[in-house]
Amino acid sequence: AYGLWDFMILRSLWKIRKLDFLVWWVSFFATLFLSASTGLLLALAFS
């Protein structure tokens, strides 16, 4: 999974569309602090 972590994309997301930037952060923190399935469902609902 190391290759999947691309934090440099955040800069381009911030420049292009701030709502996608927010979706990325909600998905990341929901998966990090909750379980993977709950984080995935929350990320899907937020998207």
All heavy atoms as atom14 arrays in JSON, in Angstrom:
{
  "sequence": "AYGLWDFMILRSLWKIRKLDFLVWWVSFFATLFLSASTGLLLALAFS",
  "atom14_mask": [
    [1, 1, 1, 1, 1, 0, 0, 0, 0, 0, 0, 0, 0, 0],
    [1, 1, 1, 1, 1, 1, 1, 1, 1, 1, 1, 1, 0, 0],
    [1, 1, 1, 1, 0, 0, 0, 0, 0, 0, 0, 0, 0, 0],
    [1, 1, 1, 1, 1, 1, 1, 1, 0, 0, 0, 0, 0, 0],
    [1, 1, 1, 1, 1, 1, 1, 1, 1, 1, 1, 1, 1, 1],
    [1, 1, 1, 1, 1, 1, 1, 1, 0, 0, 0, 0, 0, 0],
    [1, 1, 1, 1, 1, 1, 1, 1, 1, 1, 1, 0, 0, 0],
    [1, 1, 1, 1, 1, 1, 1, 1, 0, 0, 0, 0, 0, 0],
    [1, 1, 1, 1, 1, 1, 1, 1, 0, 0, 0, 0, 0, 0],
    [1, 1, 1, 1, 1, 1, 1, 1, 0, 0, 0, 0, 0, 0],
    [1, 1, 1, 1, 1, 1, 1, 1, 1, 1, 1, 0, 0, 0],
    [1, 1, 1, 1, 1, 1, 0, 0, 0, 0, 0, 0, 0, 0],
    [1, 1, 1, 1, 1, 1, 1, 1, 0, 0, 0, 0, 0, 0],
    [1, 1, 1, 1, 1, 1, 1, 1, 1, 1, 1, 1, 1, 1],
    [1, 1, 1, 1, 1, 1, 1, 1, 1, 0, 0, 0, 0, 0],
    [1, 1, 1, 1, 1, 1, 1, 1, 0, 0, 0, 0, 0, 0],
    [1, 1, 1, 1, 1, 1, 1, 1, 1, 1, 1, 0, 0, 0],
    [1, 1, 1, 1, 1, 1, 1, 1, 1, 0, 0, 0, 0, 0],
    [1, 1, 1, 1, 1, 1, 1, 1, 0, 0, 0, 0, 0, 0],
    [1, 1, 1, 1, 1, 1, 1, 1, 0, 0, 0, 0, 0, 0],
    [1, 1, 1, 1, 1, 1, 1, 1, 1, 1, 1, 0, 0, 0],
    [1, 1, 1, 1, 1, 1, 1, 1, 0, 0, 0, 0, 0, 0],
    [1, 1, 1, 1, 1, 1, 1, 0, 0, 0, 0, 0, 0, 0],
    [1, 1, 1, 1, 1, 1, 1, 1, 1, 1, 1, 1, 1, 1],
    [1, 1, 1, 1, 1, 1, 1, 1, 1, 1, 1, 1, 1, 1],
    [1, 1, 1, 1, 1, 1, 1, 0, 0, 0, 0, 0, 0, 0],
    [1, 1, 1, 1, 1, 1, 0, 0, 0, 0, 0, 0, 0, 0],
    [1, 1, 1, 1, 1, 1, 1, 1, 1, 1, 1, 0, 0, 0],
    [1, 1, 1, 1, 1, 1, 1, 1, 1, 1, 1, 0, 0, 0],
    [1, 1, 1, 1, 1, 0, 0, 0, 0, 0, 0, 0, 0, 0],
    [1, 1, 1, 1, 1, 1, 1, 0, 0, 0, 0, 0, 0, 0],
    [1, 1, 1, 1, 1, 1, 1, 1, 0, 0, 0, 0, 0, 0],
    [1, 1, 1, 1, 1, 1, 1, 1, 1, 1, 1, 0, 0, 0],
    [1, 1, 1, 1, 1, 1, 1, 1, 0, 0, 0, 0, 0, 0],
    [1, 1, 1, 1, 1, 1, 0, 0, 0, 0, 0, 0, 0, 0],
    [1, 1, 1, 1, 1, 0, 0, 0, 0, 0, 0, 0, 0, 0],
    [1, 1, 1, 1, 1, 1, 0, 0, 0, 0, 0, 0, 0, 0],
    [1, 1, 1, 1, 1, 1, 1, 0, 0, 0, 0, 0, 0, 0],
    [1, 1, 1, 1, 0, 0, 0, 0, 0, 0, 0, 0, 0, 0],
    [1, 1, 1, 1, 1, 1, 1, 1, 0, 0, 0, 0, 0, 0],
    [1, 1, 1, 1, 1, 1, 1, 1, 0, 0, 0, 0, 0, 0],
    [1, 1, 1, 1, 1, 1, 1, 1, 0, 0, 0, 0, 0, 0],
    [1, 1, 1, 1, 1, 0, 0, 0, 0, 0, 0, 0, 0, 0],
    [1, 1, 1, 1, 1, 1, 1, 1, 0, 0, 0, 0, 0, 0],
    [1, 1, 1, 1, 1, 0, 0, 0, 0, 0, 0, 0, 0, 0],
    [1, 1, 1, 1, 1, 1, 1, 1, 1, 1, 1, 0, 0, 0],
    [1, 1, 1, 1, 1, 1, 0, 0, 0, 0, 0, 0, 0, 0]
  ],
  "atom14_positions": [
    [[0.81, -1.22, 0.0], [0.0, 0.0, 0.0], [0.84, 1.27, 0.0], [0.29, 2.35, -0.18], [-0.93, 0.0, 1.22], [0.0, 0.0, 0.0], [0.0, 0.0, 0.0], [0.0, 0.0, 0.0], [0.0, 0.0, 0.0], [0.0, 0.0, 0.0], [0.0, 0.0, 0.0], [0.0, 0.0, 0.0], [0.0, 0.0, 0.0], [0.0, 0.0, 0.0]],
    [[2.14, 1.15, 0.18], [3.0, 2.34, 0.25], [2.92, 3.17, -1.03], [2.91, 4.4, -0.98], [4.45, 1.93, 0.53], [5.39, 3.1, 0.61], [5.37, 3.94, 1.72], [6.27, 3.39, -0.42], [6.22, 5.02, 1.81], [7.12, 4.47, -0.34], [7.09, 5.28, 0.77], [7.93, 6.36, 0.85], [0.0, 0.0, 0.0], [0.0, 0.0, 0.0]],
    [[2.84, 2.52, -2.15], [2.75, 3.24, -3.42], [1.43, 3.96, -3.62], [1.32, 4.84, -4.47], [0.0, 0.0, 0.0], [0.0, 0.0, 0.0], [0.0, 0.0, 0.0], [0.0, 0.0, 0.0], [0.0, 0.0, 0.0], [0.0, 0.0, 0.0], [0.0, 0.0, 0.0], [0.0, 0.0, 0.0], [0.0, 0.0, 0.0], [0.0, 0.0, 0.0]],
    [[0.42, 3.59, -2.84], [-0.88, 4.24, -2.97], [-0.94, 5.59, -2.25], [-1.83, 6.38, -2.51], [-1.98, 3.32, -2.41], [-2.15, 1.98, -3.11], [-3.17, 1.14, -2.36], [-2.56, 2.16, -4.55], [0.0, 0.0, 0.0], [0.0, 0.0, 0.0], [0.0, 0.0, 0.0], [0.0, 0.0, 0.0], [0.0, 0.0, 0.0], [0.0, 0.0, 0.0]],
    [[-0.02, 5.83, -1.34], [-0.03, 7.06, -0.56], [0.67, 8.15, -1.35], [1.89, 8.21, -1.41], [0.65, 6.87, 0.78], [-0.03, 5.85, 1.65], [-1.22, 5.25, 1.43], [0.45, 5.32, 2.87], [-1.51, 4.39, 2.43], [-0.5, 4.4, 3.33], [1.59, 5.53, 3.61], [-0.34, 3.71, 4.5], [1.74, 4.83, 4.78], [0.79, 3.94, 5.23]],
    [[-0.1, 9.03, -1.91], [0.45, 10.12, -2.72], [-0.07, 11.43, -2.14], [-1.12, 11.92, -2.52], [0.02, 9.96, -4.18], [0.66, 10.99, -5.08], [1.65, 11.63, -4.64], [0.19, 11.15, -6.21], [0.0, 0.0, 0.0], [0.0, 0.0, 0.0], [0.0, 0.0, 0.0], [0.0, 0.0, 0.0], [0.0, 0.0, 0.0], [0.0, 0.0, 0.0]],
    [[0.7, 11.97, -1.18], [0.27, 13.2, -0.53], [0.53, 14.43, -1.38], [0.02, 15.5, -1.09], [0.95, 13.34, 0.83], [0.43, 12.35, 1.84], [1.19, 11.26, 2.2], [-0.82, 12.51, 2.39], [0.73, 10.35, 3.12], [-1.3, 11.6, 3.32], [-0.52, 10.52, 3.68], [0.0, 0.0, 0.0], [0.0, 0.0, 0.0], [0.0, 0.0, 0.0]],
    [[1.32, 14.3, -2.44], [1.58, 15.45, -3.31], [0.36, 15.82, -4.15], [0.27, 16.91, -4.67], [2.78, 15.15, -4.22], [4.08, 14.95, -3.46], [4.47, 16.29, -2.31], [4.8, 17.59, -3.46], [0.0, 0.0, 0.0], [0.0, 0.0, 0.0], [0.0, 0.0, 0.0], [0.0, 0.0, 0.0], [0.0, 0.0, 0.0], [0.0, 0.0, 0.0]],
    [[-0.58, 14.89, -4.26], [-1.79, 15.19, -5.03], [-2.64, 16.23, -4.31], [-3.47, 16.9, -4.93], [-2.61, 13.91, -5.28], [-3.71, 14.15, -6.29], [-3.29, 13.42, -4.04], [-3.53, 13.44, -7.55], [0.0, 0.0, 0.0], [0.0, 0.0, 0.0], [0.0, 0.0, 0.0], [0.0, 0.0, 0.0], [0.0, 0.0, 0.0], [0.0, 0.0, 0.0]],
    [[-2.43, 16.4, -3.01], [-3.22, 17.37, -2.25], [-3.01, 18.79, -2.76], [-3.95, 19.59, -2.78], [-2.88, 17.28, -0.77], [-3.32, 15.99, -0.08], [-2.86, 15.99, 1.35], [-4.79, 15.83, -0.18], [0.0, 0.0, 0.0], [0.0, 0.0, 0.0], [0.0, 0.0, 0.0], [0.0, 0.0, 0.0], [0.0, 0.0, 0.0], [0.0, 0.0, 0.0]],
    [[-1.82, 19.1, -3.15], [-1.54, 20.44, -3.67], [-2.34, 20.71, -4.93], [-2.95, 21.77, -5.08], [-0.05, 20.6, -3.94], [0.32, 21.99, -4.42], [1.8, 22.14, -4.61], [2.47, 21.95, -3.31], [3.67, 21.43, -3.16], [4.36, 21.06, -4.21], [4.18, 21.28, -1.97], [0.0, 0.0, 0.0], [0.0, 0.0, 0.0], [0.0, 0.0, 0.0]],
    [[-2.37, 19.74, -5.83], [-3.14, 19.95, -7.07], [-4.64, 19.93, -6.79], [-5.39, 20.66, -7.44], [-2.77, 18.89, -8.1], [-3.1, 17.6, -7.64], [0.0, 0.0, 0.0], [0.0, 0.0, 0.0], [0.0, 0.0, 0.0], [0.0, 0.0, 0.0], [0.0, 0.0, 0.0], [0.0, 0.0, 0.0], [0.0, 0.0, 0.0], [0.0, 0.0, 0.0]],
    [[-5.09, 19.11, -5.83], [-6.51, 19.14, -5.48], [-6.91, 20.49, -4.9], [-8.0, 20.99, -5.17], [-6.83, 18.04, -4.46], [-7.01, 16.63, -4.99], [-7.25, 15.67, -3.84], [-8.13, 16.56, -5.99], [0.0, 0.0, 0.0], [0.0, 0.0, 0.0], [0.0, 0.0, 0.0], [0.0, 0.0, 0.0], [0.0, 0.0, 0.0], [0.0, 0.0, 0.0]],
    [[-6.05, 21.08, -4.09], [-6.34, 22.38, -3.51], [-6.45, 23.45, -4.59], [-7.32, 24.31, -4.54], [-5.28, 22.75, -2.48], [-5.51, 24.08, -1.84], [-4.87, 25.24, -2.13], [-6.47, 24.39, -0.84], [-5.36, 26.25, -1.35], [-6.35, 25.77, -0.54], [-7.43, 23.64, -0.15], [-7.14, 26.4, 0.4], [-8.2, 24.29, 0.8], [-8.06, 25.63, 1.05]],
    [[-5.57, 23.37, -5.59], [-5.59, 24.36, -6.66], [-6.76, 24.17, -7.61], [-7.35, 25.14, -8.07], [-4.29, 24.3, -7.46], [-3.08, 24.78, -6.7], [-1.84, 24.64, -7.55], [-0.59, 25.02, -6.76], [0.62, 24.8, -7.55], [0.0, 0.0, 0.0], [0.0, 0.0, 0.0], [0.0, 0.0, 0.0], [0.0, 0.0, 0.0], [0.0, 0.0, 0.0]],
    [[-7.08, 22.93, -7.92], [-8.11, 22.65, -8.92], [-9.51, 22.76, -8.34], [-10.36, 23.48, -8.85], [-7.89, 21.26, -9.54], [-6.58, 21.23, -10.3], [-9.04, 20.89, -10.45], [-6.18, 19.85, -10.75], [0.0, 0.0, 0.0], [0.0, 0.0, 0.0], [0.0, 0.0, 0.0], [0.0, 0.0, 0.0], [0.0, 0.0, 0.0], [0.0, 0.0, 0.0]],
    [[-9.77, 22.02, -7.26], [-11.12, 22.01, -6.69], [-11.03, 21.73, -5.2], [-10.64, 20.65, -4.77], [-11.96, 20.95, -7.38], [-13.4, 21.02, -7.01], [-14.26, 20.35, -8.03], [-15.64, 20.48, -7.59], [-16.53, 19.53, -7.69], [-16.21, 18.41, -8.28], [-17.75, 19.71, -7.25], [0.0, 0.0, 0.0], [0.0, 0.0, 0.0], [0.0, 0.0, 0.0]],
    [[-11.42, 22.68, -4.4], [-11.29, 22.57, -2.95], [-12.25, 21.56, -2.35], [-11.96, 20.97, -1.32], [-11.47, 23.94, -2.33], [-10.36, 24.89, -2.79], [-10.3, 26.14, -2.04], [-9.2, 27.06, -2.48], [-8.72, 27.02, -3.81], [0.0, 0.0, 0.0], [0.0, 0.0, 0.0], [0.0, 0.0, 0.0], [0.0, 0.0, 0.0], [0.0, 0.0, 0.0]],
    [[-13.38, 21.31, -3.0], [-14.33, 20.32, -2.49], [-13.74, 18.91, -2.59], [-13.91, 18.1, -1.68], [-15.65, 20.4, -3.26], [-16.78, 19.55, -2.72], [-17.11, 19.93, -1.28], [-18.0, 19.69, -3.6], [0.0, 0.0, 0.0], [0.0, 0.0, 0.0], [0.0, 0.0, 0.0], [0.0, 0.0, 0.0], [0.0, 0.0, 0.0], [0.0, 0.0, 0.0]],
    [[-13.0, 18.61, -3.65], [-12.31, 17.32, -3.76], [-11.22, 17.18, -2.69], [-10.99, 16.1, -2.18], [-11.71, 17.15, -5.14], [-12.76, 16.92, -6.21], [-13.88, 16.51, -5.85], [-12.46, 17.14, -7.39], [0.0, 0.0, 0.0], [0.0, 0.0, 0.0], [0.0, 0.0, 0.0], [0.0, 0.0, 0.0], [0.0, 0.0, 0.0], [0.0, 0.0, 0.0]],
    [[-10.57, 18.28, -2.39], [-9.58, 18.3, -1.31], [-10.24, 17.91, 0.01], [-9.71, 17.1, 0.77], [-8.98, 19.7, -1.24], [-7.96, 19.89, -0.15], [-6.66, 19.46, -0.32], [-8.31, 20.52, 1.03], [-5.71, 19.65, 0.68], [-7.39, 20.72, 2.03], [-6.08, 20.28, 1.86], [0.0, 0.0, 0.0], [0.0, 0.0, 0.0], [0.0, 0.0, 0.0]],
    [[-11.41, 18.46, 0.28], [-12.13, 18.15, 1.51], [-12.6, 16.7, 1.53], [-12.53, 16.04, 2.56], [-13.32, 19.11, 1.65], [-14.13, 18.99, 2.92], [-13.28, 19.32, 4.13], [-15.33, 19.9, 2.86], [0.0, 0.0, 0.0], [0.0, 0.0, 0.0], [0.0, 0.0, 0.0], [0.0, 0.0, 0.0], [0.0, 0.0, 0.0], [0.0, 0.0, 0.0]],
    [[-13.06, 16.2, 0.4], [-13.47, 14.8, 0.31], [-12.29, 13.88, 0.61], [-12.43, 12.88, 1.32], [-14.07, 14.49, -1.09], [-14.22, 13.0, -1.29], [-15.4, 15.19, -1.26], [0.0, 0.0, 0.0], [0.0, 0.0, 0.0], [0.0, 0.0, 0.0], [0.0, 0.0, 0.0], [0.0, 0.0, 0.0], [0.0, 0.0, 0.0], [0.0, 0.0, 0.0]],
    [[-11.1, 14.23, 0.1], [-9.92, 13.42, 0.36], [-9.62, 13.37, 1.85], [-9.33, 12.3, 2.4], [-8.71, 14.0, -0.4], [-7.52, 13.09, -0.42], [-7.19, 12.22, -1.39], [-6.53, 12.97, 0.6], [-6.03, 11.57, -1.05], [-5.6, 12.01, 0.17], [-6.32, 13.58, 1.83], [-4.5, 11.64, 0.92], [-5.21, 13.2, 2.58], [-4.33, 12.25, 2.13]],
    [[-9.65, 14.52, 2.52], [-9.34, 14.56, 3.95], [-10.38, 13.83, 4.78], [-10.04, 13.14, 5.75], [-9.17, 16.0, 4.44], [-7.81, 16.52, 4.16], [-7.46, 17.46, 3.25], [-6.58, 16.1, 4.77], [-6.09, 17.66, 3.26], [-5.53, 16.83, 4.18], [-6.27, 15.17, 5.75], [-4.2, 16.66, 4.55], [-4.94, 15.01, 6.11], [-3.93, 15.74, 5.52]],
    [[-11.65, 13.98, 4.45], [-12.7, 13.26, 5.19], [-12.49, 11.76, 5.02], [-12.58, 11.0, 5.99], [-14.1, 13.7, 4.72], [-15.17, 12.77, 5.22], [-14.39, 15.11, 5.17], [0.0, 0.0, 0.0], [0.0, 0.0, 0.0], [0.0, 0.0, 0.0], [0.0, 0.0, 0.0], [0.0, 0.0, 0.0], [0.0, 0.0, 0.0], [0.0, 0.0, 0.0]],
    [[-12.21, 11.32, 3.81], [-11.97, 9.9, 3.56], [-10.76, 9.39, 4.33], [-10.8, 8.32, 4.93], [-11.76, 9.66, 2.07], [-12.85, 10.13, 1.33], [0.0, 0.0, 0.0], [0.0, 0.0, 0.0], [0.0, 0.0, 0.0], [0.0, 0.0, 0.0], [0.0, 0.0, 0.0], [0.0, 0.0, 0.0], [0.0, 0.0, 0.0], [0.0, 0.0, 0.0]],
    [[-9.7, 10.16, 4.3], [-8.46, 9.75, 4.97], [-8.66, 9.61, 6.48], [-8.33, 8.59, 7.08], [-7.35, 10.75, 4.66], [-6.06, 10.46, 5.35], [-5.25, 9.44, 4.89], [-5.65, 11.19, 6.45], [-4.04, 9.15, 5.51], [-4.46, 10.93, 7.08], [-3.65, 9.89, 6.61], [0.0, 0.0, 0.0], [0.0, 0.0, 0.0], [0.0, 0.0, 0.0]],
    [[-9.22, 10.64, 7.1], [-9.36, 10.6, 8.56], [-10.45, 9.64, 9.01], [-10.32, 9.02, 10.08], [-9.63, 12.0, 9.11], [-8.39, 12.84, 9.18], [-8.27, 13.99, 8.44], [-7.31, 12.45, 9.96], [-7.13, 14.76, 8.48], [-6.15, 13.21, 10.02], [-6.06, 14.36, 9.27], [0.0, 0.0, 0.0], [0.0, 0.0, 0.0], [0.0, 0.0, 0.0]],
    [[-11.5, 9.47, 8.23], [-12.54, 8.51, 8.6], [-11.97, 7.09, 8.58], [-12.25, 6.28, 9.47], [-13.73, 8.62, 7.66], [0.0, 0.0, 0.0], [0.0, 0.0, 0.0], [0.0, 0.0, 0.0], [0.0, 0.0, 0.0], [0.0, 0.0, 0.0], [0.0, 0.0, 0.0], [0.0, 0.0, 0.0], [0.0, 0.0, 0.0], [0.0, 0.0, 0.0]],
    [[-11.15, 6.78, 7.59], [-10.55, 5.46, 7.51], [-9.46, 5.28, 8.56], [-9.28, 4.2, 9.11], [-9.97, 5.22, 6.11], [-10.98, 5.47, 5.15], [-9.49, 3.81, 5.95], [0.0, 0.0, 0.0], [0.0, 0.0, 0.0], [0.0, 0.0, 0.0], [0.0, 0.0, 0.0], [0.0, 0.0, 0.0], [0.0, 0.0, 0.0], [0.0, 0.0, 0.0]],
    [[-8.75, 6.35, 8.88], [-7.67, 6.27, 9.86], [-8.2, 6.08, 11.28], [-7.7, 5.24, 12.03], [-6.82, 7.54, 9.8], [-5.59, 7.6, 10.68], [-4.58, 6.54, 10.25], [-4.96, 8.98, 10.6], [0.0, 0.0, 0.0], [0.0, 0.0, 0.0], [0.0, 0.0, 0.0], [0.0, 0.0, 0.0], [0.0, 0.0, 0.0], [0.0, 0.0, 0.0]],
    [[-9.22, 6.84, 11.66], [-9.69, 6.81, 13.04], [-10.86, 5.87, 13.28], [-11.11, 5.48, 14.43], [-10.07, 8.22, 13.51], [-8.87, 9.11, 13.63], [-8.76, 10.25, 12.85], [-7.85, 8.82, 14.5], [-7.66, 11.08, 12.94], [-6.73, 9.64, 14.61], [-6.65, 10.77, 13.83], [0.0, 0.0, 0.0], [0.0, 0.0, 0.0], [0.0, 0.0, 0.0]],
    [[-11.59, 5.52, 12.24], [-12.67, 4.54, 12.36], [-12.19, 3.25, 11.71], [-11.06, 3.15, 11.29], [-13.93, 5.08, 11.68], [-14.42, 6.45, 12.18], [-15.54, 6.96, 11.3], [-14.88, 6.37, 13.62], [0.0, 0.0, 0.0], [0.0, 0.0, 0.0], [0.0, 0.0, 0.0], [0.0, 0.0, 0.0], [0.0, 0.0, 0.0], [0.0, 0.0, 0.0]],
    [[-13.06, 2.31, 11.61], [-12.67, 1.08, 10.91], [-12.64, 1.32, 9.41], [-13.17, 2.32, 8.91], [-13.66, -0.04, 11.24], [-14.93, 0.26, 10.7], [0.0, 0.0, 0.0], [0.0, 0.0, 0.0], [0.0, 0.0, 0.0], [0.0, 0.0, 0.0], [0.0, 0.0, 0.0], [0.0, 0.0, 0.0], [0.0, 0.0, 0.0], [0.0, 0.0, 0.0]],
    [[-12.05, 0.4, 8.68], [-11.92, 0.58, 7.23], [-13.28, 0.59, 6.56], [-13.53, 1.41, 5.67], [-11.04, -0.52, 6.66], [0.0, 0.0, 0.0], [0.0, 0.0, 0.0], [0.0, 0.0, 0.0], [0.0, 0.0, 0.0], [0.0, 0.0, 0.0], [0.0, 0.0, 0.0], [0.0, 0.0, 0.0], [0.0, 0.0, 0.0], [0.0, 0.0, 0.0]],
    [[-14.17, -0.3, 6.97], [-15.48, -0.35, 6.33], [-16.32, 0.88, 6.67], [-16.99, 1.44, 5.8], [-16.22, -1.62, 6.72], [-16.37, -1.68, 8.12], [0.0, 0.0, 0.0], [0.0, 0.0, 0.0], [0.0, 0.0, 0.0], [0.0, 0.0, 0.0], [0.0, 0.0, 0.0], [0.0, 0.0, 0.0], [0.0, 0.0, 0.0], [0.0, 0.0, 0.0]],
    [[-16.26, 1.34, 7.91], [-17.0, 2.54, 8.3], [-16.43, 3.77, 7.6], [-17.17, 4.63, 7.12], [-16.96, 2.73, 9.82], [-17.43, 1.54, 10.45], [-17.82, 3.9, 10.25], [0.0, 0.0, 0.0], [0.0, 0.0, 0.0], [0.0, 0.0, 0.0], [0.0, 0.0, 0.0], [0.0, 0.0, 0.0], [0.0, 0.0, 0.0], [0.0, 0.0, 0.0]],
    [[-15.12, 3.85, 7.53], [-14.48, 4.96, 6.84], [-14.84, 4.98, 5.37], [-15.07, 6.04, 4.78], [0.0, 0.0, 0.0], [0.0, 0.0, 0.0], [0.0, 0.0, 0.0], [0.0, 0.0, 0.0], [0.0, 0.0, 0.0], [0.0, 0.0, 0.0], [0.0, 0.0, 0.0], [0.0, 0.0, 0.0], [0.0, 0.0, 0.0], [0.0, 0.0, 0.0]],
    [[-14.89, 3.81, 4.76], [-15.25, 3.72, 3.35], [-16.69, 4.15, 3.12], [-16.98, 4.9, 2.18], [-15.03, 2.3, 2.84], [-15.29, 2.04, 1.38], [-14.34, 2.86, 0.52], [-15.14, 0.58, 1.06], [0.0, 0.0, 0.0], [0.0, 0.0, 0.0], [0.0, 0.0, 0.0], [0.0, 0.0, 0.0], [0.0, 0.0, 0.0], [0.0, 0.0, 0.0]],
    [[-17.59, 3.72, 3.98], [-19.0, 4.14, 3.85], [-19.16, 5.64, 4.07], [-19.91, 6.3, 3.35], [-19.88, 3.35, 4.83], [-20.11, 1.9, 4.48], [-20.87, 1.2, 5.6], [-20.87, 1.78, 3.18], [0.0, 0.0, 0.0], [0.0, 0.0, 0.0], [0.0, 0.0, 0.0], [0.0, 0.0, 0.0], [0.0, 0.0, 0.0], [0.0, 0.0, 0.0]],
    [[-18.46, 6.18, 5.04], [-18.54, 7.62, 5.3], [-17.95, 8.4, 4.13], [-18.5, 9.42, 3.72], [-17.81, 7.96, 6.59], [-17.94, 9.39, 7.08], [-19.39, 9.7, 7.42], [-17.08, 9.61, 8.29], [0.0, 0.0, 0.0], [0.0, 0.0, 0.0], [0.0, 0.0, 0.0], [0.0, 0.0, 0.0], [0.0, 0.0, 0.0], [0.0, 0.0, 0.0]],
    [[-16.84, 7.92, 3.59], [-16.23, 8.58, 2.42], [-17.16, 8.53, 1.22], [-17.3, 9.51, 0.48], [-14.9, 7.92, 2.1], [0.0, 0.0, 0.0], [0.0, 0.0, 0.0], [0.0, 0.0, 0.0], [0.0, 0.0, 0.0], [0.0, 0.0, 0.0], [0.0, 0.0, 0.0], [0.0, 0.0, 0.0], [0.0, 0.0, 0.0], [0.0, 0.0, 0.0]],
    [[-17.82, 7.4, 1.02], [-18.76, 7.27, -0.09], [-19.94, 8.22, 0.08], [-20.34, 8.91, -0.87], [-19.25, 5.82, -0.2], [-20.25, 5.53, -1.29], [-19.6, 5.7, -2.64], [-20.81, 4.14, -1.13], [0.0, 0.0, 0.0], [0.0, 0.0, 0.0], [0.0, 0.0, 0.0], [0.0, 0.0, 0.0], [0.0, 0.0, 0.0], [0.0, 0.0, 0.0]],
    [[-20.48, 8.28, 1.3], [-21.61, 9.17, 1.55], [-21.2, 10.64, 1.36], [-21.94, 11.43, 0.76], [-22.13, 8.95, 2.97], [0.0, 0.0, 0.0], [0.0, 0.0, 0.0], [0.0, 0.0, 0.0], [0.0, 0.0, 0.0], [0.0, 0.0, 0.0], [0.0, 0.0, 0.0], [0.0, 0.0, 0.0], [0.0, 0.0, 0.0], [0.0, 0.0, 0.0]],
    [[-20.02, 10.99, 1.84], [-19.55, 12.38, 1.69], [-19.29, 12.71, 0.22], [-19.57, 13.82, -0.22], [-18.29, 12.59, 2.53], [-17.94, 14.03, 2.7], [-18.66, 14.84, 3.55], [-16.89, 14.58, 2.0], [-18.34, 16.18, 3.7], [-16.56, 15.91, 2.13], [-17.3, 16.72, 2.99], [0.0, 0.0, 0.0], [0.0, 0.0, 0.0], [0.0, 0.0, 0.0]],
    [[-18.78, 11.75, -0.54], [-18.54, 11.98, -1.96], [-19.85, 12.18, -2.71], [-19.95, 13.04, -3.59], [-17.79, 10.8, -2.57], [-16.52, 10.69, -2.01], [0.0, 0.0, 0.0], [0.0, 0.0, 0.0], [0.0, 0.0, 0.0], [0.0, 0.0, 0.0], [0.0, 0.0, 0.0], [0.0, 0.0, 0.0], [0.0, 0.0, 0.0], [0.0, 0.0, 0.0]]
  ]
}
